[in-house]
PDB file of N, CA and C in Angstrom:
ATOM      1  N   MET A   1     -34.793 -67.366 -48.567  1.00  0.00           N
ATOM      2  CA  MET A   1     -34.628 -66.294 -47.613  1.00  0.00           C
ATOM      3  C   MET A   1     -34.643 -64.955 -48.346  1.00  0.00           C
ATOM      4  N   ALA A   2     -35.428 -64.021 -47.863  1.00  0.00           N
ATOM      5  CA  ALA A   2     -35.564 -62.711 -48.502  1.00  0.00           C
ATOM      6  C   ALA A   2     -34.335 -61.840 -48.231  1.00  0.00           C
ATOM      7  N   ASN A   3     -34.032 -60.981 -49.181  1.00  0.00           N
ATOM      8  CA  ASN A   3     -32.936 -60.034 -48.995  1.00  0.00           C
ATOM      9  C   ASN A   3     -33.335 -58.989 -47.975  1.00  0.00           C
ATOM     10  N   LYS A   4     -32.404 -58.640 -47.111  1.00  0.00           N
ATOM     11  CA  LYS A   4     -32.664 -57.621 -46.102  1.00  0.00           C
ATOM     12  C   LYS A   4     -32.358 -56.254 -46.688  1.00  0.00           C
ATOM     13  N   ILE A   5     -33.140 -55.292 -46.280  1.00  0.00           N
ATOM     14  CA  ILE A   5     -32.924 -53.914 -46.720  1.00  0.00           C
ATOM     15  C   ILE A   5     -31.805 -53.318 -45.877  1.00  0.00           C
ATOM     16  N   THR A   6     -30.859 -52.677 -46.546  1.00  0.00           N
ATOM     17  CA  THR A   6     -29.734 -52.077 -45.833  1.00  0.00           C
ATOM     18  C   THR A   6     -30.087 -50.674 -45.354  1.00  0.00           C
ATOM     19  N   LEU A   7     -29.306 -50.182 -44.419  1.00  0.00           N
ATOM     20  CA  LEU A   7     -29.503 -48.840 -43.897  1.00  0.00           C
ATOM     21  C   LEU A   7     -29.332 -47.789 -44.992  1.00  0.00           C
ATOM     22  N   SER A   8     -28.380 -48.005 -45.893  1.00  0.00           N
ATOM     23  CA  SER A   8     -28.173 -47.040 -46.975  1.00  0.00           C
ATOM     24  C   SER A   8     -29.366 -47.019 -47.936  1.00  0.00           C
ATOM     25  N   GLU A   9     -30.005 -48.166 -48.136  1.00  0.00           N
ATOM     26  CA  GLU A   9     -31.202 -48.215 -48.978  1.00  0.00           C
ATOM     27  C   GLU A   9     -32.368 -47.483 -48.314  1.00  0.00           C
ATOM     28  N   ILE A  10     -32.511 -47.633 -47.018  1.00  0.00           N
ATOM     29  CA  ILE A  10     -33.557 -46.920 -46.285  1.00  0.00           C
ATOM     30  C   ILE A  10     -33.313 -45.421 -46.369  1.00  0.00           C
ATOM     31  N   TYR A  11     -32.065 -45.009 -46.183  1.00  0.00           N
ATOM     32  CA  TYR A  11     -31.716 -43.592 -46.266  1.00  0.00           C
ATOM     33  C   TYR A  11     -32.017 -43.040 -47.663  1.00  0.00           C
ATOM     34  N   ALA A  12     -31.634 -43.786 -48.700  1.00  0.00           N
ATOM     35  CA  ALA A  12     -31.877 -43.344 -50.077  1.00  0.00           C
ATOM     36  C   ALA A  12     -33.370 -43.241 -50.360  1.00  0.00           C
ATOM     37  N   ALA A  13     -34.146 -44.202 -49.891  1.00  0.00           N
ATOM     38  CA  ALA A  13     -35.594 -44.185 -50.110  1.00  0.00           C
ATOM     39  C   ALA A  13     -36.236 -43.001 -49.390  1.00  0.00           C
ATOM     40  N   SER A  14     -35.786 -42.719 -48.171  1.00  0.00           N
ATOM     41  CA  SER A  14     -36.373 -41.588 -47.435  1.00  0.00           C
ATOM     42  C   SER A  14     -36.045 -40.270 -48.122  1.00  0.00           C
ATOM     43  N   ARG A  15     -34.852 -40.154 -48.696  1.00  0.00           N
ATOM     44  CA  ARG A  15     -34.500 -38.930 -49.439  1.00  0.00           C
ATOM     45  C   ARG A  15     -35.388 -38.767 -50.674  1.00  0.00           C
ATOM     46  N   ILE A  16     -35.691 -39.863 -51.351  1.00  0.00           N
ATOM     47  CA  ILE A  16     -36.561 -39.791 -52.527  1.00  0.00           C
ATOM     48  C   ILE A  16     -37.954 -39.326 -52.129  1.00  0.00           C
ATOM     49  N   VAL A  17     -38.478 -39.883 -51.040  1.00  0.00           N
ATOM     50  CA  VAL A  17     -39.803 -39.481 -50.560  1.00  0.00           C
ATOM     51  C   VAL A  17     -39.804 -38.001 -50.196  1.00  0.00           C
ATOM     52  N   ILE A  18     -38.775 -37.549 -49.499  1.00  0.00           N
ATOM     53  CA  ILE A  18     -38.701 -36.140 -49.108  1.00  0.00           C
ATOM     54  C   ILE A  18     -38.577 -35.243 -50.336  1.00  0.00           C
ATOM     55  N   LYS A  19     -37.824 -35.665 -51.360  1.00  0.00           N
ATOM     56  CA  LYS A  19     -37.723 -34.884 -52.597  1.00  0.00           C
ATOM     57  C   LYS A  19     -39.094 -34.728 -53.265  1.00  0.00           C
ATOM     58  N   ILE A  20     -39.872 -35.799 -53.283  1.00  0.00           N
ATOM     59  CA  ILE A  20     -41.214 -35.736 -53.882  1.00  0.00           C
ATOM     60  C   ILE A  20     -42.094 -34.768 -53.105  1.00  0.00           C
ATOM     61  N   ILE A  21     -42.024 -34.837 -51.793  1.00  0.00           N
ATOM     62  CA  ILE A  21     -42.819 -33.927 -50.954  1.00  0.00           C
ATOM     63  C   ILE A  21     -42.367 -32.484 -51.165  1.00  0.00           C
ATOM     64  N   GLN A  22     -41.056 -32.273 -51.268  1.00  0.00           N
ATOM     65  CA  GLN A  22     -40.556 -30.924 -51.517  1.00  0.00           C
ATOM     66  C   GLN A  22     -41.062 -30.379 -52.847  1.00  0.00           C
ATOM     67  N   LEU A  23     -41.164 -31.239 -53.855  1.00  0.00           N
ATOM     68  CA  LEU A  23     -41.708 -30.798 -55.143  1.00  0.00           C
ATOM     69  C   LEU A  23     -43.140 -30.304 -54.999  1.00  0.00           C
ATOM     70  N   GLN A  24     -43.912 -30.942 -54.123  1.00  0.00           N
ATOM     71  CA  GLN A  24     -45.296 -30.551 -53.906  1.00  0.00           C
ATOM     72  C   GLN A  24     -45.396 -29.212 -53.174  1.00  0.00           C
ATOM     73  N   TYR A  25     -44.527 -28.991 -52.206  1.00  0.00           N
ATOM     74  CA  TYR A  25     -44.639 -27.817 -51.339  1.00  0.00           C
ATOM     75  C   TYR A  25     -43.739 -26.649 -51.748  1.00  0.00           C
ATOM     76  N   PHE A  26     -42.587 -26.950 -52.324  1.00  0.00           N
ATOM     77  CA  PHE A  26     -41.599 -25.908 -52.614  1.00  0.00           C
ATOM     78  C   PHE A  26     -41.202 -25.880 -54.090  1.00  0.00           C
ATOM     79  N   ALA A  27     -42.145 -26.087 -54.992  1.00  0.00           N
ATOM     80  CA  ALA A  27     -41.836 -26.182 -56.427  1.00  0.00           C
ATOM     81  C   ALA A  27     -41.140 -24.926 -56.947  1.00  0.00           C
ATOM     82  N   GLU A  28     -41.674 -23.776 -56.604  1.00  0.00           N
ATOM     83  CA  GLU A  28     -41.089 -22.521 -57.092  1.00  0.00           C
ATOM     84  C   GLU A  28     -39.672 -22.331 -56.558  1.00  0.00           C
ATOM     85  N   GLU A  29     -39.468 -22.613 -55.286  1.00  0.00           N
ATOM     86  CA  GLU A  29     -38.150 -22.461 -54.680  1.00  0.00           C
ATOM     87  C   GLU A  29     -37.148 -23.448 -55.280  1.00  0.00           C
ATOM     88  N   LEU A  30     -37.594 -24.675 -55.545  1.00  0.00           N
ATOM     89  CA  LEU A  30     -36.715 -25.663 -56.163  1.00  0.00           C
ATOM     90  C   LEU A  30     -36.259 -25.216 -57.547  1.00  0.00           C
ATOM     91  N   GLU A  31     -37.180 -24.714 -58.336  1.00  0.00           N
ATOM     92  CA  GLU A  31     -36.822 -24.229 -59.677  1.00  0.00           C
ATOM     93  C   GLU A  31     -35.848 -23.061 -59.594  1.00  0.00           C
ATOM     94  N   THR A  32     -36.073 -22.177 -58.657  1.00  0.00           N
ATOM     95  CA  THR A  32     -35.182 -21.033 -58.471  1.00  0.00           C
ATOM     96  C   THR A  32     -33.783 -21.502 -58.094  1.00  0.00           C
ATOM     97  N   LEU A  33     -33.697 -22.428 -57.144  1.00  0.00           N
ATOM     98  CA  LEU A  33     -32.393 -22.938 -56.718  1.00  0.00           C
ATOM     99  C   LEU A  33     -31.702 -23.721 -57.832  1.00  0.00           C
ATOM    100  N   LYS A  34     -32.461 -24.476 -58.618  1.00  0.00           N
ATOM    101  CA  LYS A  34     -31.881 -25.239 -59.727  1.00  0.00           C
ATOM    102  C   LYS A  34     -31.280 -24.322 -60.781  1.00  0.00           C
ATOM    103  N   SER A  35     -31.855 -23.131 -60.929  1.00  0.00           N
ATOM    104  CA  SER A  35     -31.334 -22.185 -61.913  1.00  0.00           C
ATOM    105  C   SER A  35     -30.177 -21.349 -61.353  1.00  0.00           C
ATOM    106  N   GLY A  36     -29.785 -21.635 -60.103  1.00  0.00           N
ATOM    107  CA  GLY A  36     -28.630 -20.945 -59.530  1.00  0.00           C
ATOM    108  C   GLY A  36     -28.945 -19.606 -58.894  1.00  0.00           C
ATOM    109  N   ARG A  37     -30.211 -19.302 -58.723  1.00  0.00           N
ATOM    110  CA  ARG A  37     -30.592 -18.021 -58.106  1.00  0.00           C
ATOM    111  C   ARG A  37     -30.992 -18.235 -56.647  1.00  0.00           C
ATOM    112  N   LEU A  38     -31.105 -17.127 -55.919  1.00  0.00           N
ATOM    113  CA  LEU A  38     -31.578 -17.164 -54.536  1.00  0.00           C
ATOM    114  C   LEU A  38     -33.100 -17.134 -54.522  1.00  0.00           C
ATOM    115  N   VAL A  39     -33.708 -17.734 -53.503  1.00  0.00           N
ATOM    116  CA  VAL A  39     -35.164 -17.709 -53.413  1.00  0.00           C
ATOM    117  C   VAL A  39     -35.628 -16.282 -53.137  1.00  0.00           C
ATOM    118  N   LYS A  40     -36.845 -15.999 -53.517  1.00  0.00           N
ATOM    119  CA  LYS A  40     -37.402 -14.663 -53.355  1.00  0.00           C
ATOM    120  C   LYS A  40     -37.564 -14.317 -51.882  1.00  0.00           C
ATOM    121  N   ASN A  41     -37.508 -13.022 -51.586  1.00  0.00           N
ATOM    122  CA  ASN A  41     -37.665 -12.554 -50.206  1.00  0.00           C
ATOM    123  C   ASN A  41     -39.013 -12.922 -49.620  1.00  0.00           C
ATOM    124  N   LYS A  42     -40.048 -13.012 -50.456  1.00  0.00           N
ATOM    125  CA  LYS A  42     -41.388 -13.322 -49.963  1.00  0.00           C
ATOM    126  C   LYS A  42     -41.573 -14.803 -49.629  1.00  0.00           C
ATOM    127  N   SER A  43     -40.616 -15.648 -50.011  1.00  0.00           N
ATOM    128  CA  SER A  43     -40.708 -17.089 -49.745  1.00  0.00           C
ATOM    129  C   SER A  43     -40.544 -17.365 -48.259  1.00  0.00           C
ATOM    130  N   LYS A  44     -41.323 -18.333 -47.759  1.00  0.00           N
ATOM    131  CA  LYS A  44     -41.196 -18.698 -46.351  1.00  0.00           C
ATOM    132  C   LYS A  44     -39.886 -19.430 -46.072  1.00  0.00           C
ATOM    133  N   LEU A  45     -39.184 -19.845 -47.109  1.00  0.00           N
ATOM    134  CA  LEU A  45     -37.892 -20.512 -46.941  1.00  0.00           C
ATOM    135  C   LEU A  45     -36.722 -19.537 -46.919  1.00  0.00           C
ATOM    136  N   ASN A  46     -36.963 -18.286 -47.253  1.00  0.00           N
ATOM    137  CA  ASN A  46     -35.905 -17.304 -47.402  1.00  0.00           C
ATOM    138  C   ASN A  46     -35.021 -17.192 -46.160  1.00  0.00           C
ATOM    139  N   LEU A  47     -35.605 -17.173 -44.985  1.00  0.00           N
ATOM    140  CA  LEU A  47     -34.826 -17.009 -43.757  1.00  0.00           C
ATOM    141  C   LEU A  47     -33.955 -18.222 -43.434  1.00  0.00           C
ATOM    142  N   LEU A  48     -34.237 -19.348 -44.070  1.00  0.00           N
ATOM    143  CA  LEU A  48     -33.458 -20.565 -43.830  1.00  0.00           C
ATOM    144  C   LEU A  48     -32.258 -20.683 -44.762  1.00  0.00           C
ATOM    145  N   CYS A  49     -32.083 -19.719 -45.655  1.00  0.00           N
ATOM    146  CA  CYS A  49     -30.987 -19.728 -46.625  1.00  0.00           C
ATOM    147  C   CYS A  49     -30.895 -21.071 -47.342  1.00  0.00           C
ATOM    148  N   PRO A  50     -31.967 -21.490 -48.018  1.00  0.00           N
ATOM    149  CA  PRO A  50     -31.995 -22.822 -48.617  1.00  0.00           C
ATOM    150  C   PRO A  50     -30.937 -23.008 -49.698  1.00  0.00           C
ATOM    151  N   ILE A  51     -30.428 -24.236 -49.758  1.00  0.00           N
ATOM    152  CA  ILE A  51     -29.469 -24.617 -50.787  1.00  0.00           C
ATOM    153  C   ILE A  51     -29.924 -25.948 -51.376  1.00  0.00           C
ATOM    154  N   LEU A  52     -29.430 -26.242 -52.552  1.00  0.00           N
ATOM    155  CA  LEU A  52     -29.785 -27.489 -53.227  1.00  0.00           C
ATOM    156  C   LEU A  52     -28.629 -28.473 -53.072  1.00  0.00           C
ATOM    157  N   ILE A  53     -28.929 -29.646 -52.494  1.00  0.00           N
ATOM    158  CA  ILE A  53     -27.924 -30.693 -52.324  1.00  0.00           C
ATOM    159  C   ILE A  53     -28.503 -31.978 -52.904  1.00  0.00           C
ATOM    160  N   ASP A  54     -27.896 -32.480 -53.945  1.00  0.00           N
ATOM    161  CA  ASP A  54     -28.357 -33.703 -54.614  1.00  0.00           C
ATOM    162  C   ASP A  54     -29.829 -33.623 -55.002  1.00  0.00           C
ATOM    163  N   GLY A  55     -30.257 -32.469 -55.482  1.00  0.00           N
ATOM    164  CA  GLY A  55     -31.625 -32.303 -55.943  1.00  0.00           C
ATOM    165  C   GLY A  55     -32.659 -32.093 -54.859  1.00  0.00           C
ATOM    166  N   ALA A  56     -32.232 -31.988 -53.604  1.00  0.00           N
ATOM    167  CA  ALA A  56     -33.153 -31.769 -52.494  1.00  0.00           C
ATOM    168  C   ALA A  56     -32.824 -30.441 -51.818  1.00  0.00           C
ATOM    169  N   THR A  57     -33.845 -29.789 -51.305  1.00  0.00           N
ATOM    170  CA  THR A  57     -33.657 -28.511 -50.633  1.00  0.00           C
ATOM    171  C   THR A  57     -33.250 -28.749 -49.185  1.00  0.00           C
ATOM    172  N   SER A  58     -32.140 -28.134 -48.804  1.00  0.00           N
ATOM    173  CA  SER A  58     -31.622 -28.241 -47.445  1.00  0.00           C
ATOM    174  C   SER A  58     -31.422 -26.860 -46.864  1.00  0.00           C
ATOM    175  N   VAL A  59     -31.272 -26.796 -45.559  1.00  0.00           N
ATOM    176  CA  VAL A  59     -31.024 -25.532 -44.876  1.00  0.00           C
ATOM    177  C   VAL A  59     -29.594 -25.117 -45.150  1.00  0.00           C
ATOM    178  N   GLY A  60     -29.398 -23.824 -45.421  1.00  0.00           N
ATOM    179  CA  GLY A  60     -28.046 -23.292 -45.619  1.00  0.00           C
ATOM    180  C   GLY A  60     -27.346 -23.261 -44.278  1.00  0.00           C
ATOM    181  N   GLY A  61     -27.240 -22.123 -43.680  1.00  0.00           N
ATOM    182  CA  GLY A  61     -26.791 -22.068 -42.298  1.00  0.00           C
ATOM    183  C   GLY A  61     -25.425 -21.479 -42.079  1.00  0.00           C
ATOM    184  N   ARG A  62     -25.126 -21.369 -40.779  1.00  0.00           N
ATOM    185  CA  ARG A  62     -23.884 -20.737 -40.345  1.00  0.00           C
ATOM    186  C   ARG A  62     -22.949 -21.718 -39.681  1.00  0.00           C
ATOM    187  N   LEU A  63     -23.204 -22.988 -39.750  1.00  0.00           N
ATOM    188  CA  LEU A  63     -22.441 -23.976 -38.996  1.00  0.00           C
ATOM    189  C   LEU A  63     -21.317 -24.618 -39.799  1.00  0.00           C
ATOM    190  N   HIS A  64     -20.762 -23.916 -40.739  1.00  0.00           N
ATOM    191  CA  HIS A  64     -19.764 -24.511 -41.638  1.00  0.00           C
ATOM    192  C   HIS A  64     -18.565 -25.103 -40.903  1.00  0.00           C
ATOM    193  N   HIS A  65     -18.176 -24.524 -39.775  1.00  0.00           N
ATOM    194  CA  HIS A  65     -16.999 -24.996 -39.054  1.00  0.00           C
ATOM    195  C   HIS A  65     -17.354 -25.784 -37.802  1.00  0.00           C
ATOM    196  N   ALA A  66     -18.612 -26.096 -37.618  1.00  0.00           N
ATOM    197  CA  ALA A  66     -19.032 -26.851 -36.436  1.00  0.00           C
ATOM    198  C   ALA A  66     -18.568 -28.301 -36.545  1.00  0.00           C
ATOM    199  N   PRO A  67     -18.223 -28.910 -35.415  1.00  0.00           N
ATOM    200  CA  PRO A  67     -17.736 -30.297 -35.432  1.00  0.00           C
ATOM    201  C   PRO A  67     -18.883 -31.310 -35.468  1.00  0.00           C
ATOM    202  N   VAL A  68     -19.755 -31.174 -36.449  1.00  0.00           N
ATOM    203  CA  VAL A  68     -20.892 -32.086 -36.606  1.00  0.00           C
ATOM    204  C   VAL A  68     -20.934 -32.556 -38.057  1.00  0.00           C
ATOM    205  N   SER A  69     -21.755 -33.553 -38.319  1.00  0.00           N
ATOM    206  CA  SER A  69     -21.821 -34.125 -39.664  1.00  0.00           C
ATOM    207  C   SER A  69     -22.375 -33.112 -40.676  1.00  0.00           C
ATOM    208  N   TYR A  70     -22.099 -33.390 -41.933  1.00  0.00           N
ATOM    209  CA  TYR A  70     -22.575 -32.538 -43.024  1.00  0.00           C
ATOM    210  C   TYR A  70     -24.098 -32.448 -43.025  1.00  0.00           C
ATOM    211  N   HIS A  71     -24.773 -33.581 -42.735  1.00  0.00           N
ATOM    212  CA  HIS A  71     -26.233 -33.599 -42.723  1.00  0.00           C
ATOM    213  C   HIS A  71     -26.798 -32.830 -41.533  1.00  0.00           C
ATOM    214  N   ALA A  72     -26.039 -32.719 -40.460  1.00  0.00           N
ATOM    215  CA  ALA A  72     -26.481 -31.916 -39.318  1.00  0.00           C
ATOM    216  C   ALA A  72     -26.364 -30.426 -39.646  1.00  0.00           C
ATOM    217  N   ILE A  73     -25.373 -30.074 -40.435  1.00  0.00           N
ATOM    218  CA  ILE A  73     -25.192 -28.676 -40.832  1.00  0.00           C
ATOM    219  C   ILE A  73     -26.237 -28.274 -41.863  1.00  0.00           C
ATOM    220  N   HIS A  74     -26.578 -29.188 -42.768  1.00  0.00           N
ATOM    221  CA  HIS A  74     -27.519 -28.913 -43.851  1.00  0.00           C
ATOM    222  C   HIS A  74     -28.667 -29.928 -43.853  1.00  0.00           C
ATOM    223  N   PRO A  75     -29.554 -29.891 -42.852  1.00  0.00           N
ATOM    224  CA  PRO A  75     -30.663 -30.859 -42.840  1.00  0.00           C
ATOM    225  C   PRO A  75     -31.648 -30.584 -43.969  1.00  0.00           C
ATOM    226  N   LEU A  76     -32.326 -31.635 -44.396  1.00  0.00           N
ATOM    227  CA  LEU A  76     -33.357 -31.500 -45.425  1.00  0.00           C
ATOM    228  C   LEU A  76     -34.532 -30.711 -44.876  1.00  0.00           C
ATOM    229  N   LEU A  77     -35.159 -29.940 -45.740  1.00  0.00           N
ATOM    230  CA  LEU A  77     -36.360 -29.194 -45.349  1.00  0.00           C
ATOM    231  C   LEU A  77     -37.583 -30.084 -45.525  1.00  0.00           C
ATOM    232  N   ILE A  78     -38.346 -30.229 -44.461  1.00  0.00           N
ATOM    233  CA  ILE A  78     -39.572 -31.009 -44.487  1.00  0.00           C
ATOM    234  C   ILE A  78     -40.712 -30.065 -44.135  1.00  0.00           C
ATOM    235  N   PRO A  79     -41.737 -29.993 -44.978  1.00  0.00           N
ATOM    236  CA  PRO A  79     -42.848 -29.082 -44.698  1.00  0.00           C
ATOM    237  C   PRO A  79     -43.529 -29.424 -43.373  1.00  0.00           C
ATOM    238  N   ASN A  80     -43.757 -28.415 -42.575  1.00  0.00           N
ATOM    239  CA  ASN A  80     -44.396 -28.602 -41.275  1.00  0.00           C
ATOM    240  C   ASN A  80     -45.800 -29.171 -41.414  1.00  0.00           C
ATOM    241  N   GLU A  81     -46.468 -28.857 -42.515  1.00  0.00           N
ATOM    242  CA  GLU A  81     -47.860 -29.260 -42.707  1.00  0.00           C
ATOM    243  C   GLU A  81     -48.010 -30.713 -43.145  1.00  0.00           C
ATOM    244  N   HIS A  82     -46.944 -31.343 -43.595  1.00  0.00           N
ATOM    245  CA  HIS A  82     -47.048 -32.691 -44.156  1.00  0.00           C
ATOM    246  C   HIS A  82     -46.978 -33.751 -43.054  1.00  0.00           C
ATOM    247  N   SER A  83     -47.738 -34.816 -43.204  1.00  0.00           N
ATOM    248  CA  SER A  83     -47.802 -35.873 -42.190  1.00  0.00           C
ATOM    249  C   SER A  83     -46.501 -36.664 -42.067  1.00  0.00           C
ATOM    250  N   ILE A  84     -45.620 -36.579 -43.052  1.00  0.00           N
ATOM    251  CA  ILE A  84     -44.358 -37.321 -42.945  1.00  0.00           C
ATOM    252  C   ILE A  84     -43.527 -36.805 -41.778  1.00  0.00           C
ATOM    253  N   LYS A  85     -43.677 -35.538 -41.458  1.00  0.00           N
ATOM    254  CA  LYS A  85     -42.954 -34.974 -40.316  1.00  0.00           C
ATOM    255  C   LYS A  85     -43.306 -35.737 -39.048  1.00  0.00           C
ATOM    256  N   THR A  86     -44.585 -35.955 -38.825  1.00  0.00           N
ATOM    257  CA  THR A  86     -45.048 -36.672 -37.637  1.00  0.00           C
ATOM    258  C   THR A  86     -44.578 -38.125 -37.666  1.00  0.00           C
ATOM    259  N   LEU A  87     -44.650 -38.756 -38.825  1.00  0.00           N
ATOM    260  CA  LEU A  87     -44.206 -40.147 -38.940  1.00  0.00           C
ATOM    261  C   LEU A  87     -42.721 -40.298 -38.638  1.00  0.00           C
ATOM    262  N   LEU A  88     -41.906 -39.387 -39.143  1.00  0.00           N
ATOM    263  CA  LEU A  88     -40.468 -39.463 -38.898  1.00  0.00           C
ATOM    264  C   LEU A  88     -40.135 -39.212 -37.431  1.00  0.00           C
ATOM    265  N   ILE A  89     -40.805 -38.260 -36.817  1.00  0.00           N
ATOM    266  CA  ILE A  89     -40.561 -37.982 -35.398  1.00  0.00           C
ATOM    267  C   ILE A  89     -41.001 -39.165 -34.542  1.00  0.00           C
ATOM    268  N   CYS A  90     -42.150 -39.765 -34.856  1.00  0.00           N
ATOM    269  CA  CYS A  90     -42.613 -40.949 -34.116  1.00  0.00           C
ATOM    270  C   CYS A  90     -41.628 -42.107 -34.276  1.00  0.00           C
ATOM    271  N   HIS A  91     -41.104 -42.279 -35.477  1.00  0.00           N
ATOM    272  CA  HIS A  91     -40.116 -43.330 -35.732  1.00  0.00           C
ATOM    273  C   HIS A  91     -38.882 -43.126 -34.854  1.00  0.00           C
ATOM    274  N   HIS A  92     -38.353 -41.904 -34.837  1.00  0.00           N
ATOM    275  CA  HIS A  92     -37.178 -41.611 -34.016  1.00  0.00           C
ATOM    276  C   HIS A  92     -37.502 -41.765 -32.530  1.00  0.00           C
ATOM    277  N   HIS A  93     -38.690 -41.399 -32.130  1.00  0.00           N
ATOM    278  CA  HIS A  93     -39.114 -41.543 -30.736  1.00  0.00           C
ATOM    279  C   HIS A  93     -39.058 -43.020 -30.321  1.00  0.00           C
ATOM    280  N   GLU A  94     -39.513 -43.890 -31.188  1.00  0.00           N
ATOM    281  CA  GLU A  94     -39.507 -45.326 -30.882  1.00  0.00           C
ATOM    282  C   GLU A  94     -38.103 -45.913 -30.876  1.00  0.00           C
ATOM    283  N   ILE A  95     -37.302 -45.603 -31.889  1.00  0.00           N
ATOM    284  CA  ILE A  95     -35.971 -46.215 -31.948  1.00  0.00           C
ATOM    285  C   ILE A  95     -35.029 -45.659 -30.889  1.00  0.00           C
ATOM    286  N   LEU A  96     -35.331 -44.485 -30.345  1.00  0.00           N
ATOM    287  CA  LEU A  96     -34.500 -43.907 -29.285  1.00  0.00           C
ATOM    288  C   LEU A  96     -35.001 -44.274 -27.895  1.00  0.00           C
ATOM    289  N   GLY A  97     -35.931 -45.201 -27.826  1.00  0.00           N
ATOM    290  CA  GLY A  97     -36.395 -45.681 -26.525  1.00  0.00           C
ATOM    291  C   GLY A  97     -37.288 -44.704 -25.792  1.00  0.00           C
ATOM    292  N   HIS A  98     -38.075 -43.942 -26.532  1.00  0.00           N
ATOM    293  CA  HIS A  98     -39.049 -43.018 -25.944  1.00  0.00           C
ATOM    294  C   HIS A  98     -38.394 -41.968 -25.053  1.00  0.00           C
ATOM    295  N   THR A  99     -37.274 -41.437 -25.537  1.00  0.00           N
ATOM    296  CA  THR A  99     -36.582 -40.380 -24.796  1.00  0.00           C
ATOM    297  C   THR A  99     -37.345 -39.067 -24.939  1.00  0.00           C
ATOM    298  N   GLY A 100     -36.822 -38.032 -24.325  1.00  0.00           N
ATOM    299  CA  GLY A 100     -37.486 -36.734 -24.322  1.00  0.00           C
ATOM    300  C   GLY A 100     -37.502 -36.055 -25.678  1.00  0.00           C
ATOM    301  N   GLN A 101     -38.357 -35.069 -25.776  1.00  0.00           N
ATOM    302  CA  GLN A 101     -38.591 -34.349 -27.026  1.00  0.00           C
ATOM    303  C   GLN A 101     -37.331 -33.679 -27.561  1.00  0.00           C
ATOM    304  N   GLU A 102     -36.555 -33.022 -26.716  1.00  0.00           N
ATOM    305  CA  GLU A 102     -35.364 -32.310 -27.178  1.00  0.00           C
ATOM    306  C   GLU A 102     -34.328 -33.272 -27.755  1.00  0.00           C
ATOM    307  N   HIS A 103     -34.157 -34.427 -27.107  1.00  0.00           N
ATOM    308  CA  HIS A 103     -33.197 -35.415 -27.607  1.00  0.00           C
ATOM    309  C   HIS A 103     -33.653 -35.968 -28.959  1.00  0.00           C
ATOM    310  N   ILE A 104     -34.928 -36.260 -29.073  1.00  0.00           N
ATOM    311  CA  ILE A 104     -35.470 -36.788 -30.331  1.00  0.00           C
ATOM    312  C   ILE A 104     -35.274 -35.787 -31.457  1.00  0.00           C
ATOM    313  N   LEU A 105     -35.600 -34.527 -31.211  1.00  0.00           N
ATOM    314  CA  LEU A 105     -35.438 -33.503 -32.246  1.00  0.00           C
ATOM    315  C   LEU A 105     -33.968 -33.308 -32.610  1.00  0.00           C
ATOM    316  N   SER A 106     -33.089 -33.380 -31.622  1.00  0.00           N
ATOM    317  CA  SER A 106     -31.664 -33.226 -31.882  1.00  0.00           C
ATOM    318  C   SER A 106     -31.149 -34.340 -32.792  1.00  0.00           C
ATOM    319  N   VAL A 107     -31.481 -35.577 -32.467  1.00  0.00           N
ATOM    320  CA  VAL A 107     -31.040 -36.715 -33.279  1.00  0.00           C
ATOM    321  C   VAL A 107     -31.691 -36.660 -34.664  1.00  0.00           C
ATOM    322  N   PHE A 108     -32.960 -36.322 -34.694  1.00  0.00           N
ATOM    323  CA  PHE A 108     -33.690 -36.230 -35.966  1.00  0.00           C
ATOM    324  C   PHE A 108     -33.053 -35.206 -36.883  1.00  0.00           C
ATOM    325  N   ARG A 109     -32.688 -34.071 -36.347  1.00  0.00           N
ATOM    326  CA  ARG A 109     -32.080 -33.010 -37.162  1.00  0.00           C
ATOM    327  C   ARG A 109     -30.714 -33.416 -37.664  1.00  0.00           C
ATOM    328  N   GLN A 110     -29.995 -34.233 -36.919  1.00  0.00           N
ATOM    329  CA  GLN A 110     -28.663 -34.663 -37.339  1.00  0.00           C
ATOM    330  C   GLN A 110     -28.712 -35.747 -38.397  1.00  0.00           C
ATOM    331  N   THR A 111     -29.802 -36.502 -38.460  1.00  0.00           N
ATOM    332  CA  THR A 111     -29.849 -37.626 -39.383  1.00  0.00           C
ATOM    333  C   THR A 111     -30.695 -37.380 -40.613  1.00  0.00           C
ATOM    334  N   SER A 112     -31.500 -36.322 -40.642  1.00  0.00           N
ATOM    335  CA  SER A 112     -32.370 -36.109 -41.807  1.00  0.00           C
ATOM    336  C   SER A 112     -31.703 -35.270 -42.860  1.00  0.00           C
TER     337      SER A 112
END
């Protein structure tokens, strides 16, 4: 009998994939954040107040006291141009029983 993949393993694998994609799209911003500096004003990530969490770029934000999970306050940044965005949204659409767009995006933002 084969070993089953756990939810934590799936989560860890998805974070690794997103980190690799971030390296492709946000290399300069990642290096800046790793050195402890703020991203440049000309960066398209500047308005999102990006922060580095476990080596991945996440949204900064104003929700520090909101009664939601840490990952909902600081979701990972996924490039809009990359196909993984569509794959992840389709995945959430299926597991949520084909609910509406707003619900899917809400759940997706809380779990990514």
